[in-house]
Amino acid sequence: MLTAIYKSPKKQETYLYLPKRDDFEKVPEPLLEMFGKPQFVTMLNLKPDTKLALADVDKVQTELTESGYYLQLPPPQPNLLKEHRADLGLED
């Protein structure tokens, strides 16, 4: 499945996958407003054995087929204070 990938100029490490280049028709308008003007990154042929850094290829393909887009968000940031307090044996 050939896929166009765009990055967000507003949200770091946030990417939008589309089944067709420059076809944002199925992407909700509020999402596009929060995402910012999509910046084209690359075209990628998604296959079952394709390795993606932060997304499961099967989930991406399913979302592209069902919703017409896939939004990849950055992983959640760890709460370093909470981890430090846990290491010290302190309760929250």
PDB file of N, CA and C in Angstrom:
ATOM      1  N   MET A   1       0.843  -1.170   0.000  1.00  0.00           N
ATOM      2  CA  MET A   1       0.000   0.000   0.000  1.00  0.00           C
ATOM      3  C   MET A   1       0.891   1.237   0.000  1.00  0.00           C
ATOM      4  N   LEU A   2       0.825   2.010  -1.045  1.00  0.00           N
ATOM      5  CA  LEU A   2       1.610   3.234  -1.161  1.00  0.00           C
ATOM      6  C   LEU A   2       0.992   4.302  -0.267  1.00  0.00           C
ATOM      7  N   THR A   3       1.823   4.942   0.544  1.00  0.00           N
ATOM      8  CA  THR A   3       1.347   5.882   1.554  1.00  0.00           C
ATOM      9  C   THR A   3       2.165   7.162   1.535  1.00  0.00           C
ATOM     10  N   ALA A   4       1.477   8.305   1.616  1.00  0.00           N
ATOM     11  CA  ALA A   4       2.140   9.607   1.731  1.00  0.00           C
ATOM     12  C   ALA A   4       2.231   9.961   3.206  1.00  0.00           C
ATOM     13  N   ILE A   5       3.394  10.455   3.625  1.00  0.00           N
ATOM     14  CA  ILE A   5       3.607  10.800   5.026  1.00  0.00           C
ATOM     15  C   ILE A   5       3.947  12.283   5.133  1.00  0.00           C
ATOM     16  N   TYR A   6       3.259  12.935   6.070  1.00  0.00           N
ATOM     17  CA  TYR A   6       3.433  14.366   6.303  1.00  0.00           C
ATOM     18  C   TYR A   6       3.793  14.598   7.759  1.00  0.00           C
ATOM     19  N   LYS A   7       4.610  15.623   8.022  1.00  0.00           N
ATOM     20  CA  LYS A   7       4.900  15.974   9.407  1.00  0.00           C
ATOM     21  C   LYS A   7       4.194  17.272   9.754  1.00  0.00           C
ATOM     22  N   SER A   8       3.958  17.435  11.039  1.00  0.00           N
ATOM     23  CA  SER A   8       3.286  18.628  11.535  1.00  0.00           C
ATOM     24  C   SER A   8       4.310  19.711  11.843  1.00  0.00           C
ATOM     25  N   PRO A   9       4.056  20.936  11.389  1.00  0.00           N
ATOM     26  CA  PRO A   9       4.947  22.032  11.750  1.00  0.00           C
ATOM     27  C   PRO A   9       4.666  22.548  13.170  1.00  0.00           C
ATOM     28  N   LYS A  10       3.529  22.157  13.739  1.00  0.00           N
ATOM     29  CA  LYS A  10       3.125  22.642  15.059  1.00  0.00           C
ATOM     30  C   LYS A  10       3.435  21.661  16.184  1.00  0.00           C
ATOM     31  N   LYS A  11       3.338  20.382  15.879  1.00  0.00           N
ATOM     32  CA  LYS A  11       3.482  19.348  16.904  1.00  0.00           C
ATOM     33  C   LYS A  11       4.690  18.467  16.583  1.00  0.00           C
ATOM     34  N   GLN A  12       5.685  18.526  17.436  1.00  0.00           N
ATOM     35  CA  GLN A  12       6.896  17.747  17.230  1.00  0.00           C
ATOM     36  C   GLN A  12       6.599  16.247  17.212  1.00  0.00           C
ATOM     37  N   GLU A  13       7.255  15.530  16.324  1.00  0.00           N
ATOM     38  CA  GLU A  13       7.138  14.069  16.189  1.00  0.00           C
ATOM     39  C   GLU A  13       5.707  13.603  15.909  1.00  0.00           C
ATOM     40  N   THR A  14       4.918  14.428  15.234  1.00  0.00           N
ATOM     41  CA  THR A  14       3.551  14.075  14.874  1.00  0.00           C
ATOM     42  C   THR A  14       3.458  13.962  13.360  1.00  0.00           C
ATOM     43  N   TYR A  15       2.951  12.821  12.885  1.00  0.00           N
ATOM     44  CA  TYR A  15       2.918  12.544  11.452  1.00  0.00           C
ATOM     45  C   TYR A  15       1.517  12.119  11.024  1.00  0.00           C
ATOM     46  N   LEU A  16       1.189  12.448   9.792  1.00  0.00           N
ATOM     47  CA  LEU A  16      -0.090  12.092   9.202  1.00  0.00           C
ATOM     48  C   LEU A  16       0.185  11.220   7.980  1.00  0.00           C
ATOM     49  N   TYR A  17      -0.429  10.041   7.949  1.00  0.00           N
ATOM     50  CA  TYR A  17      -0.289   9.104   6.836  1.00  0.00           C
ATOM     51  C   TYR A  17      -1.564   9.175   6.000  1.00  0.00           C
ATOM     52  N   LEU A  18      -1.408   9.256   4.687  1.00  0.00           N
ATOM     53  CA  LEU A  18      -2.551   9.286   3.776  1.00  0.00           C
ATOM     54  C   LEU A  18      -2.367   8.260   2.667  1.00  0.00           C
ATOM     55  N   PRO A  19      -3.472   7.673   2.170  1.00  0.00           N
ATOM     56  CA  PRO A  19      -3.353   6.700   1.085  1.00  0.00           C
ATOM     57  C   PRO A  19      -3.022   7.350  -0.263  1.00  0.00           C
ATOM     58  N   LYS A  20      -3.274   8.660  -0.392  1.00  0.00           N
ATOM     59  CA  LYS A  20      -2.954   9.376  -1.629  1.00  0.00           C
ATOM     60  C   LYS A  20      -2.303  10.701  -1.274  1.00  0.00           C
ATOM     61  N   ARG A  21      -1.282  11.068  -2.021  1.00  0.00           N
ATOM     62  CA  ARG A  21      -0.578  12.322  -1.761  1.00  0.00           C
ATOM     63  C   ARG A  21      -1.521  13.513  -1.942  1.00  0.00           C
ATOM     64  N   ASP A  22      -1.479  14.416  -0.981  1.00  0.00           N
ATOM     65  CA  ASP A  22      -2.235  15.675  -0.980  1.00  0.00           C
ATOM     66  C   ASP A  22      -3.748  15.495  -0.986  1.00  0.00           C
ATOM     67  N   ASP A  23      -4.241  14.344  -0.561  1.00  0.00           N
ATOM     68  CA  ASP A  23      -5.683  14.103  -0.480  1.00  0.00           C
ATOM     69  C   ASP A  23      -6.101  14.121   0.996  1.00  0.00           C
ATOM     70  N   PHE A  24      -6.457  15.326   1.488  1.00  0.00           N
ATOM     71  CA  PHE A  24      -6.808  15.518   2.890  1.00  0.00           C
ATOM     72  C   PHE A  24      -8.322  15.499   3.112  1.00  0.00           C
ATOM     73  N   GLU A  25      -9.065  15.040   2.135  1.00  0.00           N
ATOM     74  CA  GLU A  25     -10.522  15.075   2.168  1.00  0.00           C
ATOM     75  C   GLU A  25     -11.117  14.373   3.394  1.00  0.00           C
ATOM     76  N   LYS A  26     -10.554  13.247   3.802  1.00  0.00           N
ATOM     77  CA  LYS A  26     -11.128  12.469   4.903  1.00  0.00           C
ATOM     78  C   LYS A  26     -10.563  12.855   6.266  1.00  0.00           C
ATOM     79  N   VAL A  27      -9.614  13.780   6.289  1.00  0.00           N
ATOM     80  CA  VAL A  27      -9.035  14.223   7.555  1.00  0.00           C
ATOM     81  C   VAL A  27      -9.944  15.305   8.144  1.00  0.00           C
ATOM     82  N   PRO A  28     -10.412  15.128   9.381  1.00  0.00           N
ATOM     83  CA  PRO A  28     -11.298  16.127   9.982  1.00  0.00           C
ATOM     84  C   PRO A  28     -10.639  17.509  10.049  1.00  0.00           C
ATOM     85  N   GLU A  29     -11.423  18.522   9.771  1.00  0.00           N
ATOM     86  CA  GLU A  29     -10.909  19.900   9.762  1.00  0.00           C
ATOM     87  C   GLU A  29     -10.271  20.305  11.099  1.00  0.00           C
ATOM     88  N   PRO A  30     -10.892  19.983  12.252  1.00  0.00           N
ATOM     89  CA  PRO A  30     -10.243  20.351  13.524  1.00  0.00           C
ATOM     90  C   PRO A  30      -8.856  19.714  13.691  1.00  0.00           C
ATOM     91  N   LEU A  31      -8.706  18.494  13.184  1.00  0.00           N
ATOM     92  CA  LEU A  31      -7.401  17.833  13.248  1.00  0.00           C
ATOM     93  C   LEU A  31      -6.390  18.578  12.393  1.00  0.00           C
ATOM     94  N   LEU A  32      -6.786  18.962  11.186  1.00  0.00           N
ATOM     95  CA  LEU A  32      -5.878  19.709  10.315  1.00  0.00           C
ATOM     96  C   LEU A  32      -5.500  21.056  10.920  1.00  0.00           C
ATOM     97  N   GLU A  33      -6.431  21.699  11.600  1.00  0.00           N
ATOM     98  CA  GLU A  33      -6.123  22.979  12.242  1.00  0.00           C
ATOM     99  C   GLU A  33      -5.086  22.800  13.344  1.00  0.00           C
ATOM    100  N   MET A  34      -5.234  21.765  14.159  1.00  0.00           N
ATOM    101  CA  MET A  34      -4.266  21.494  15.226  1.00  0.00           C
ATOM    102  C   MET A  34      -2.932  21.019  14.659  1.00  0.00           C
ATOM    103  N   PHE A  35      -2.984  20.271  13.574  1.00  0.00           N
ATOM    104  CA  PHE A  35      -1.788  19.702  12.948  1.00  0.00           C
ATOM    105  C   PHE A  35      -0.939  20.786  12.298  1.00  0.00           C
ATOM    106  N   GLY A  36      -1.595  21.793  11.726  1.00  0.00           N
ATOM    107  CA  GLY A  36      -0.890  22.821  10.974  1.00  0.00           C
ATOM    108  C   GLY A  36      -0.798  22.422   9.518  1.00  0.00           C
ATOM    109  N   LYS A  37      -0.175  23.261   8.711  1.00  0.00           N
ATOM    110  CA  LYS A  37      -0.042  22.958   7.283  1.00  0.00           C
ATOM    111  C   LYS A  37       0.874  21.745   7.107  1.00  0.00           C
ATOM    112  N   PRO A  38       0.325  20.621   6.632  1.00  0.00           N
ATOM    113  CA  PRO A  38       1.138  19.404   6.504  1.00  0.00           C
ATOM    114  C   PRO A  38       2.346  19.610   5.594  1.00  0.00           C
ATOM    115  N   GLN A  39       3.480  19.137   6.069  1.00  0.00           N
ATOM    116  CA  GLN A  39       4.722  19.209   5.296  1.00  0.00           C
ATOM    117  C   GLN A  39       5.061  17.803   4.803  1.00  0.00           C
ATOM    118  N   PHE A  40       5.064  17.651   3.471  1.00  0.00           N
ATOM    119  CA  PHE A  40       5.327  16.345   2.876  1.00  0.00           C
ATOM    120  C   PHE A  40       6.721  15.865   3.263  1.00  0.00           C
ATOM    121  N   VAL A  41       6.796  14.590   3.683  1.00  0.00           N
ATOM    122  CA  VAL A  41       8.067  13.984   4.060  1.00  0.00           C
ATOM    123  C   VAL A  41       8.509  12.966   3.014  1.00  0.00           C
ATOM    124  N   THR A  42       7.629  11.980   2.728  1.00  0.00           N
ATOM    125  CA  THR A  42       8.017  10.907   1.814  1.00  0.00           C
ATOM    126  C   THR A  42       6.811  10.076   1.400  1.00  0.00           C
ATOM    127  N   MET A  43       7.019   9.267   0.385  1.00  0.00           N
ATOM    128  CA  MET A  43       6.069   8.218   0.001  1.00  0.00           C
ATOM    129  C   MET A  43       6.700   6.910   0.469  1.00  0.00           C
ATOM    130  N   LEU A  44       5.872   6.042   1.041  1.00  0.00           N
ATOM    131  CA  LEU A  44       6.371   4.777   1.562  1.00  0.00           C
ATOM    132  C   LEU A  44       5.426   3.659   1.155  1.00  0.00           C
ATOM    133  N   ASN A  45       5.988   2.567   0.668  1.00  0.00           N
ATOM    134  CA  ASN A  45       5.184   1.404   0.322  1.00  0.00           C
ATOM    135  C   ASN A  45       5.057   0.525   1.569  1.00  0.00           C
ATOM    136  N   LEU A  46       3.890   0.580   2.209  1.00  0.00           N
ATOM    137  CA  LEU A  46       3.667  -0.215   3.419  1.00  0.00           C
ATOM    138  C   LEU A  46       3.340  -1.646   3.043  1.00  0.00           C
ATOM    139  N   LYS A  47       4.138  -2.550   3.580  1.00  0.00           N
ATOM    140  CA  LYS A  47       3.926  -3.982   3.402  1.00  0.00           C
ATOM    141  C   LYS A  47       3.891  -4.613   4.786  1.00  0.00           C
ATOM    142  N   PRO A  48       3.365  -5.817   4.921  1.00  0.00           N
ATOM    143  CA  PRO A  48       3.301  -6.447   6.252  1.00  0.00           C
ATOM    144  C   PRO A  48       4.650  -6.520   6.970  1.00  0.00           C
ATOM    145  N   ASP A  49       5.749  -6.602   6.234  1.00  0.00           N
ATOM    146  CA  ASP A  49       7.063  -6.698   6.880  1.00  0.00           C
ATOM    147  C   ASP A  49       7.752  -5.348   7.045  1.00  0.00           C
ATOM    148  N   THR A  50       7.063  -4.243   6.719  1.00  0.00           N
ATOM    149  CA  THR A  50       7.634  -2.913   6.875  1.00  0.00           C
ATOM    150  C   THR A  50       7.790  -2.592   8.360  1.00  0.00           C
ATOM    151  N   LYS A  51       8.940  -2.077   8.732  1.00  0.00           N
ATOM    152  CA  LYS A  51       9.196  -1.689  10.117  1.00  0.00           C
ATOM    153  C   LYS A  51       9.028  -0.176  10.237  1.00  0.00           C
ATOM    154  N   LEU A  52       8.138   0.231  11.114  1.00  0.00           N
ATOM    155  CA  LEU A  52       7.944   1.643  11.411  1.00  0.00           C
ATOM    156  C   LEU A  52       8.450   1.904  12.827  1.00  0.00           C
ATOM    157  N   ALA A  53       9.077   3.043  13.037  1.00  0.00           N
ATOM    158  CA  ALA A  53       9.693   3.331  14.330  1.00  0.00           C
ATOM    159  C   ALA A  53       8.683   3.397  15.474  1.00  0.00           C
ATOM    160  N   LEU A  54       7.566   4.094  15.272  1.00  0.00           N
ATOM    161  CA  LEU A  54       6.641   4.324  16.380  1.00  0.00           C
ATOM    162  C   LEU A  54       5.213   3.865  16.117  1.00  0.00           C
ATOM    163  N   ALA A  55       5.020   3.073  15.089  1.00  0.00           N
ATOM    164  CA  ALA A  55       3.651   2.630  14.774  1.00  0.00           C
ATOM    165  C   ALA A  55       3.673   1.187  14.283  1.00  0.00           C
ATOM    166  N   ASP A  56       2.553   0.523  14.493  1.00  0.00           N
ATOM    167  CA  ASP A  56       2.377  -0.844  14.019  1.00  0.00           C
ATOM    168  C   ASP A  56       1.835  -0.791  12.589  1.00  0.00           C
ATOM    169  N   VAL A  57       2.522  -1.420  11.658  1.00  0.00           N
ATOM    170  CA  VAL A  57       2.154  -1.334  10.243  1.00  0.00           C
ATOM    171  C   VAL A  57       0.744  -1.851   9.990  1.00  0.00           C
ATOM    172  N   ASP A  58       0.320  -2.890  10.704  1.00  0.00           N
ATOM    173  CA  ASP A  58      -1.044  -3.415  10.523  1.00  0.00           C
ATOM    174  C   ASP A  58      -2.090  -2.390  10.952  1.00  0.00           C
ATOM    175  N   LYS A  59      -1.832  -1.713  12.062  1.00  0.00           N
ATOM    176  CA  LYS A  59      -2.764  -0.688  12.538  1.00  0.00           C
ATOM    177  C   LYS A  59      -2.817   0.489  11.561  1.00  0.00           C
ATOM    178  N   VAL A  60      -1.666   0.887  11.042  1.00  0.00           N
ATOM    179  CA  VAL A  60      -1.622   1.987  10.071  1.00  0.00           C
ATOM    180  C   VAL A  60      -2.440   1.625   8.838  1.00  0.00           C
ATOM    181  N   GLN A  61      -2.223   0.440   8.299  1.00  0.00           N
ATOM    182  CA  GLN A  61      -2.957   0.015   7.108  1.00  0.00           C
ATOM    183  C   GLN A  61      -4.460  -0.066   7.373  1.00  0.00           C
ATOM    184  N   THR A  62      -4.840  -0.581   8.528  1.00  0.00           N
ATOM    185  CA  THR A  62      -6.255  -0.677   8.877  1.00  0.00           C
ATOM    186  C   THR A  62      -6.888   0.709   8.952  1.00  0.00           C
ATOM    187  N   GLU A  63      -6.232   1.639   9.620  1.00  0.00           N
ATOM    188  CA  GLU A  63      -6.755   3.002   9.750  1.00  0.00           C
ATOM    189  C   GLU A  63      -6.830   3.702   8.399  1.00  0.00           C
ATOM    190  N   LEU A  64      -5.834   3.488   7.549  1.00  0.00           N
ATOM    191  CA  LEU A  64      -5.855   4.094   6.218  1.00  0.00           C
ATOM    192  C   LEU A  64      -7.049   3.587   5.416  1.00  0.00           C
ATOM    193  N   THR A  65      -7.331   2.300   5.538  1.00  0.00           N
ATOM    194  CA  THR A  65      -8.444   1.706   4.812  1.00  0.00           C
ATOM    195  C   THR A  65      -9.800   2.141   5.384  1.00  0.00           C
ATOM    196  N   GLU A  66      -9.917   2.128   6.710  1.00  0.00           N
ATOM    197  CA  GLU A  66     -11.196   2.433   7.345  1.00  0.00           C
ATOM    198  C   GLU A  66     -11.478   3.932   7.473  1.00  0.00           C
ATOM    199  N   SER A  67     -10.475   4.705   7.861  1.00  0.00           N
ATOM    200  CA  SER A  67     -10.685   6.134   8.136  1.00  0.00           C
ATOM    201  C   SER A  67     -10.189   7.050   7.023  1.00  0.00           C
ATOM    202  N   GLY A  68      -9.264   6.549   6.220  1.00  0.00           N
ATOM    203  CA  GLY A  68      -8.702   7.375   5.160  1.00  0.00           C
ATOM    204  C   GLY A  68      -7.476   8.157   5.591  1.00  0.00           C
ATOM    205  N   TYR A  69      -7.041   7.958   6.841  1.00  0.00           N
ATOM    206  CA  TYR A  69      -5.823   8.601   7.332  1.00  0.00           C
ATOM    207  C   TYR A  69      -5.367   7.884   8.603  1.00  0.00           C
ATOM    208  N   TYR A  70      -4.107   8.126   8.995  1.00  0.00           N
ATOM    209  CA  TYR A  70      -3.597   7.617  10.259  1.00  0.00           C
ATOM    210  C   TYR A  70      -2.760   8.723  10.876  1.00  0.00           C
ATOM    211  N   LEU A  71      -3.012   9.034  12.136  1.00  0.00           N
ATOM    212  CA  LEU A  71      -2.269  10.054  12.854  1.00  0.00           C
ATOM    213  C   LEU A  71      -1.298   9.371  13.807  1.00  0.00           C
ATOM    214  N   GLN A  72      -0.014   9.655  13.628  1.00  0.00           N
ATOM    215  CA  GLN A  72       1.010   9.099  14.513  1.00  0.00           C
ATOM    216  C   GLN A  72       1.440  10.190  15.492  1.00  0.00           C
ATOM    217  N   LEU A  73       1.193   9.940  16.767  1.00  0.00           N
ATOM    218  CA  LEU A  73       1.560  10.877  17.823  1.00  0.00           C
ATOM    219  C   LEU A  73       2.868  10.438  18.464  1.00  0.00           C
ATOM    220  N   PRO A  74       3.600  11.376  19.062  1.00  0.00           N
ATOM    221  CA  PRO A  74       4.832  10.990  19.747  1.00  0.00           C
ATOM    222  C   PRO A  74       4.510  10.168  20.979  1.00  0.00           C
ATOM    223  N   PRO A  75       5.460   9.353  21.419  1.00  0.00           N
ATOM    224  CA  PRO A  75       5.221   8.577  22.638  1.00  0.00           C
ATOM    225  C   PRO A  75       5.093   9.532  23.821  1.00  0.00           C
ATOM    226  N   PRO A  76       4.344   9.139  24.851  1.00  0.00           N
ATOM    227  CA  PRO A  76       4.194  10.015  26.017  1.00  0.00           C
ATOM    228  C   PRO A  76       5.537  10.223  26.710  1.00  0.00           C
ATOM    229  N   GLN A  77       5.712  11.428  27.222  1.00  0.00           N
ATOM    230  CA  GLN A  77       6.946  11.744  27.947  1.00  0.00           C
ATOM    231  C   GLN A  77       6.876  11.134  29.346  1.00  0.00           C
ATOM    232  N   PRO A  78       7.968  10.564  29.815  1.00  0.00           N
ATOM    233  CA  PRO A  78       7.954   9.994  31.163  1.00  0.00           C
ATOM    234  C   PRO A  78       7.862  11.104  32.205  1.00  0.00           C
ATOM    235  N   ASN A  79       7.222  10.799  33.313  1.00  0.00           N
ATOM    236  CA  ASN A  79       7.141  11.730  34.425  1.00  0.00           C
ATOM    237  C   ASN A  79       8.365  11.479  35.296  1.00  0.00           C
ATOM    238  N   LEU A  80       9.418  12.246  35.073  1.00  0.00           N
ATOM    239  CA  LEU A  80      10.685  12.009  35.756  1.00  0.00           C
ATOM    240  C   LEU A  80      10.591  12.257  37.248  1.00  0.00           C
ATOM    241  N   LEU A  81       9.789  13.233  37.655  1.00  0.00           N
ATOM    242  CA  LEU A  81       9.625  13.493  39.081  1.00  0.00           C
ATOM    243  C   LEU A  81       8.971  12.294  39.774  1.00  0.00           C
ATOM    244  N   LYS A  82       7.939  11.759  39.149  1.00  0.00           N
ATOM    245  CA  LYS A  82       7.257  10.590  39.719  1.00  0.00           C
ATOM    246  C   LYS A  82       8.210   9.399  39.806  1.00  0.00           C
ATOM    247  N   GLU A  83       9.006   9.186  38.747  1.00  0.00           N
ATOM    248  CA  GLU A  83       9.973   8.081  38.756  1.00  0.00           C
ATOM    249  C   GLU A  83      11.017   8.281  39.853  1.00  0.00           C
ATOM    250  N   HIS A  84      11.491   9.506  40.005  1.00  0.00           N
ATOM    251  CA  HIS A  84      12.492   9.805  41.024  1.00  0.00           C
ATOM    252  C   HIS A  84      11.918   9.570  42.415  1.00  0.00           C
ATOM    253  N   ARG A  85      10.699  10.047  42.645  1.00  0.00           N
ATOM    254  CA  ARG A  85      10.056   9.850  43.939  1.00  0.00           C
ATOM    255  C   ARG A  85       9.857   8.357  44.225  1.00  0.00           C
ATOM    256  N   ALA A  86       9.512   7.601  43.215  1.00  0.00           N
ATOM    257  CA  ALA A  86       9.344   6.150  43.370  1.00  0.00           C
ATOM    258  C   ALA A  86      10.683   5.497  43.730  1.00  0.00           C
ATOM    259  N   ASP A  87      11.749   5.937  43.054  1.00  0.00           N
ATOM    260  CA  ASP A  87      13.081   5.408  43.354  1.00  0.00           C
ATOM    261  C   ASP A  87      13.499   5.685  44.812  1.00  0.00           C
ATOM    262  N   LEU A  88      13.041   6.825  45.325  1.00  0.00           N
ATOM    263  CA  LEU A  88      13.370   7.190  46.710  1.00  0.00           C
ATOM    264  C   LEU A  88      12.434   6.543  47.723  1.00  0.00           C
ATOM    265  N   GLY A  89      11.393   5.874  47.207  1.00  0.00           N
ATOM    266  CA  GLY A  89      10.429   5.217  48.085  1.00  0.00           C
ATOM    267  C   GLY A  89       9.407   6.189  48.651  1.00  0.00           C
ATOM    268  N   LEU A  90       9.255   7.346  48.025  1.00  0.00           N
ATOM    269  CA  LEU A  90       8.294   8.345  48.499  1.00  0.00           C
ATOM    270  C   LEU A  90       6.968   8.131  47.795  1.00  0.00           C
ATOM    271  N   GLU A  91       5.878   8.388  48.501  1.00  0.00           N
ATOM    272  CA  GLU A  91       4.560   8.267  47.890  1.00  0.00           C
ATOM    273  C   GLU A  91       4.172   9.583  47.264  1.00  0.00           C
ATOM    274  N   ASP A  92       3.253   9.518  46.281  1.00  0.00           N
ATOM    275  CA  ASP A  92       2.758  10.739  45.617  1.00  0.00           C
ATOM    276  C   ASP A  92       1.792  11.472  46.488  1.00  0.00           C
TER     277      ASP A  92
END
